[in-house]
């Protein structure tokens, strides 16, 4: 709810577009089914919210866009720190590159 409230606050203040990036997988989620399900629920809620704002606010031109996290967690992947939760510099680079298509799409609509 807090993430959605943040997007609503921005849109109500006249921000044209926001981007909701999905929560990535992690080693912790692979070990804890409850956390994994919670992340799936939050991501589904964010995606649903974004579709709803597009349908209801699209005429005004200000709405939220959902972008799934651009890559999955994999043990021993150079994009992930040894803790299995945080990104490495390679991971942040991949994240940035993965967001480019969504950001360009948003900018095209402005």
C-alpha atoms as a PDB file:
ATOM      1  CA  UNK A   1       0.000   0.000   0.000  1.00  0.00           C
ATOM      2  CA  UNK A   2       2.832   2.411   0.764  1.00  0.00           C
ATOM      3  CA  UNK A   3       4.305   2.006  -2.716  1.00  0.00           C
ATOM      4  CA  UNK A   4       0.924   2.636  -4.324  1.00  0.00           C
ATOM      5  CA  UNK A   5       0.341   5.622  -2.026  1.00  0.00           C
ATOM      6  CA  UNK A   6       3.655   7.070  -3.178  1.00  0.00           C
ATOM      7  CA  UNK A   7       2.667   6.752  -6.839  1.00  0.00           C
ATOM      8  CA  UNK A   8      -0.776   8.254  -6.137  1.00  0.00           C
ATOM      9  CA  UNK A   9       0.777  11.195  -4.318  1.00  0.00           C
ATOM     10  CA  UNK A  10       3.078  11.894  -7.270  1.00  0.00           C
ATOM     11  CA  UNK A  11       0.277  11.630  -9.828  1.00  0.00           C
ATOM     12  CA  UNK A  12      -2.040  13.824  -7.764  1.00  0.00           C
ATOM     13  CA  UNK A  13       0.692  16.470  -7.606  1.00  0.00           C
ATOM     14  CA  UNK A  14       0.845  16.582 -11.399  1.00  0.00           C
ATOM     15  CA  UNK A  15       3.705  14.218 -12.143  1.00  0.00           C
ATOM     16  CA  UNK A  16       2.993  12.965 -15.668  1.00  0.00           C
ATOM     17  CA  UNK A  17       4.266   9.402 -15.324  1.00  0.00           C
ATOM     18  CA  UNK A  18       5.746   7.156 -12.680  1.00  0.00           C
ATOM     19  CA  UNK A  19       7.427   3.784 -13.132  1.00  0.00           C
ATOM     20  CA  UNK A  20       6.864   0.983 -10.635  1.00  0.00           C
ATOM     21  CA  UNK A  21       9.745  -1.478 -10.877  1.00  0.00           C
ATOM     22  CA  UNK A  22       8.925  -4.969  -9.633  1.00  0.00           C
ATOM     23  CA  UNK A  23      10.700  -6.398  -6.619  1.00  0.00           C
ATOM     24  CA  UNK A  24      13.407  -8.823  -7.753  1.00  0.00           C
ATOM     25  CA  UNK A  25      13.841 -12.415  -6.729  1.00  0.00           C
ATOM     26  CA  UNK A  26      16.527 -13.201  -4.156  1.00  0.00           C
ATOM     27  CA  UNK A  27      18.274 -16.053  -2.397  1.00  0.00           C
ATOM     28  CA  UNK A  28      16.144 -15.313   0.677  1.00  0.00           C
ATOM     29  CA  UNK A  29      12.950 -15.877  -1.315  1.00  0.00           C
ATOM     30  CA  UNK A  30      14.296 -19.236  -2.478  1.00  0.00           C
ATOM     31  CA  UNK A  31      14.670 -20.197   1.188  1.00  0.00           C
ATOM     32  CA  UNK A  32      11.432 -18.698   2.488  1.00  0.00           C
ATOM     33  CA  UNK A  33       8.200 -19.484   0.658  1.00  0.00           C
ATOM     34  CA  UNK A  34       6.226 -16.935   2.703  1.00  0.00           C
ATOM     35  CA  UNK A  35       8.532 -14.117   1.587  1.00  0.00           C
ATOM     36  CA  UNK A  36       8.483 -15.362  -2.008  1.00  0.00           C
ATOM     37  CA  UNK A  37       4.671 -15.332  -2.017  1.00  0.00           C
ATOM     38  CA  UNK A  38       4.583 -11.874  -0.441  1.00  0.00           C
ATOM     39  CA  UNK A  39       6.865 -10.515  -3.176  1.00  0.00           C
ATOM     40  CA  UNK A  40       4.675 -12.099  -5.858  1.00  0.00           C
ATOM     41  CA  UNK A  41       1.627 -10.495  -4.240  1.00  0.00           C
ATOM     42  CA  UNK A  42       3.244  -7.049  -4.069  1.00  0.00           C
ATOM     43  CA  UNK A  43       4.397  -7.264  -7.691  1.00  0.00           C
ATOM     44  CA  UNK A  44       0.931  -8.385  -8.832  1.00  0.00           C
ATOM     45  CA  UNK A  45      -0.652  -5.547  -6.860  1.00  0.00           C
ATOM     46  CA  UNK A  46       1.710  -2.989  -8.397  1.00  0.00           C
ATOM     47  CA  UNK A  47       1.071  -4.297 -11.895  1.00  0.00           C
ATOM     48  CA  UNK A  48      -2.699  -4.238 -11.345  1.00  0.00           C
ATOM     49  CA  UNK A  49      -2.521  -0.706  -9.937  1.00  0.00           C
ATOM     50  CA  UNK A  50      -0.556   0.485 -12.967  1.00  0.00           C
ATOM     51  CA  UNK A  51      -3.086  -1.027 -15.389  1.00  0.00           C
ATOM     52  CA  UNK A  52      -5.882   0.615 -13.405  1.00  0.00           C
ATOM     53  CA  UNK A  53      -4.250   4.052 -13.480  1.00  0.00           C
ATOM     54  CA  UNK A  54      -3.696   3.724 -17.210  1.00  0.00           C
ATOM     55  CA  UNK A  55      -7.375   2.952 -17.693  1.00  0.00           C
ATOM     56  CA  UNK A  56      -8.688   5.660 -15.358  1.00  0.00           C
ATOM     57  CA  UNK A  57      -6.097   8.440 -15.690  1.00  0.00           C
ATOM     58  CA  UNK A  58      -4.799   7.800 -19.183  1.00  0.00           C
ATOM     59  CA  UNK A  59      -6.935  10.589 -20.643  1.00  0.00           C
ATOM     60  CA  UNK A  60      -5.204  13.084 -18.352  1.00  0.00           C
ATOM     61  CA  UNK A  61      -1.847  11.707 -19.462  1.00  0.00           C
ATOM     62  CA  UNK A  62      -0.593  10.963 -15.970  1.00  0.00           C
ATOM     63  CA  UNK A  63      -0.427   7.365 -14.889  1.00  0.00           C
ATOM     64  CA  UNK A  64       1.890   4.677 -13.551  1.00  0.00           C
ATOM     65  CA  UNK A  65       3.707   2.105 -15.669  1.00  0.00           C
ATOM     66  CA  UNK A  66       4.775  -1.281 -14.318  1.00  0.00           C
ATOM     67  CA  UNK A  67       8.162  -2.701 -15.251  1.00  0.00           C
ATOM     68  CA  UNK A  68       8.988  -6.209 -14.038  1.00  0.00           C
ATOM     69  CA  UNK A  69      12.480  -6.503 -12.621  1.00  0.00           C
ATOM     70  CA  UNK A  70      14.540  -7.084 -15.766  1.00  0.00           C
ATOM     71  CA  UNK A  71      16.381 -10.236 -14.727  1.00  0.00           C
ATOM     72  CA  UNK A  72      15.984 -13.167 -12.378  1.00  0.00           C
ATOM     73  CA  UNK A  73      18.106 -14.130  -9.401  1.00  0.00           C
ATOM     74  CA  UNK A  74      20.596 -16.925  -9.985  1.00  0.00           C
ATOM     75  CA  UNK A  75      23.124 -18.195  -7.465  1.00  0.00           C
ATOM     76  CA  UNK A  76      26.712 -17.383  -8.461  1.00  0.00           C
ATOM     77  CA  UNK A  77      25.527 -14.857 -11.070  1.00  0.00           C
ATOM     78  CA  UNK A  78      27.935 -11.902 -11.236  1.00  0.00           C
ATOM     79  CA  UNK A  79      24.955  -9.534 -11.059  1.00  0.00           C
ATOM     80  CA  UNK A  80      24.268 -10.560  -7.446  1.00  0.00           C
ATOM     81  CA  UNK A  81      26.404 -10.051  -4.334  1.00  0.00           C
ATOM     82  CA  UNK A  82      27.400 -13.097  -2.333  1.00  0.00           C
ATOM     83  CA  UNK A  83      24.546 -12.349   0.113  1.00  0.00           C
ATOM     84  CA  UNK A  84      22.055 -13.190  -2.656  1.00  0.00           C
ATOM     85  CA  UNK A  85      20.101 -10.003  -1.989  1.00  0.00           C
ATOM     86  CA  UNK A  86      22.066  -6.999  -3.213  1.00  0.00           C
ATOM     87  CA  UNK A  87      23.219  -6.192  -6.717  1.00  0.00           C
ATOM     88  CA  UNK A  88      26.848  -5.830  -7.755  1.00  0.00           C
ATOM     89  CA  UNK A  89      28.016  -3.084 -10.095  1.00  0.00           C
ATOM     90  CA  UNK A  90      27.325  -5.485 -12.981  1.00  0.00           C
ATOM     91  CA  UNK A  91      23.842  -6.009 -11.582  1.00  0.00           C
ATOM     92  CA  UNK A  92      23.134  -2.291 -11.389  1.00  0.00           C
ATOM     93  CA  UNK A  93      24.360  -1.899 -14.951  1.00  0.00           C
ATOM     94  CA  UNK A  94      22.054  -4.724 -16.092  1.00  0.00           C
ATOM     95  CA  UNK A  95      19.183  -3.150 -14.141  1.00  0.00           C
ATOM     96  CA  UNK A  96      19.753   0.206 -15.817  1.00  0.00           C
ATOM     97  CA  UNK A  97      19.958  -1.349 -19.255  1.00  0.00           C
ATOM     98  CA  UNK A  98      16.864  -3.428 -18.538  1.00  0.00           C
ATOM     99  CA  UNK A  99      14.873  -0.317 -17.625  1.00  0.00           C
ATOM    100  CA  UNK A 100      15.833   1.558 -20.811  1.00  0.00           C
ATOM    101  CA  UNK A 101      12.932   0.285 -22.972  1.00  0.00           C
ATOM    102  CA  UNK A 102      10.349   1.265 -20.332  1.00  0.00           C
ATOM    103  CA  UNK A 103      11.927   4.661 -19.716  1.00  0.00           C
ATOM    104  CA  UNK A 104      12.086   5.366 -23.458  1.00  0.00           C
ATOM    105  CA  UNK A 105       8.445   4.355 -23.810  1.00  0.00           C
ATOM    106  CA  UNK A 106       7.458   6.724 -21.007  1.00  0.00           C
ATOM    107  CA  UNK A 107       9.502   9.559 -22.508  1.00  0.00           C
ATOM    108  CA  UNK A 108       7.901   8.987 -25.924  1.00  0.00           C
ATOM    109  CA  UNK A 109       4.484   9.524 -24.326  1.00  0.00           C
ATOM    110  CA  UNK A 110       5.396  12.832 -22.681  1.00  0.00           C
END
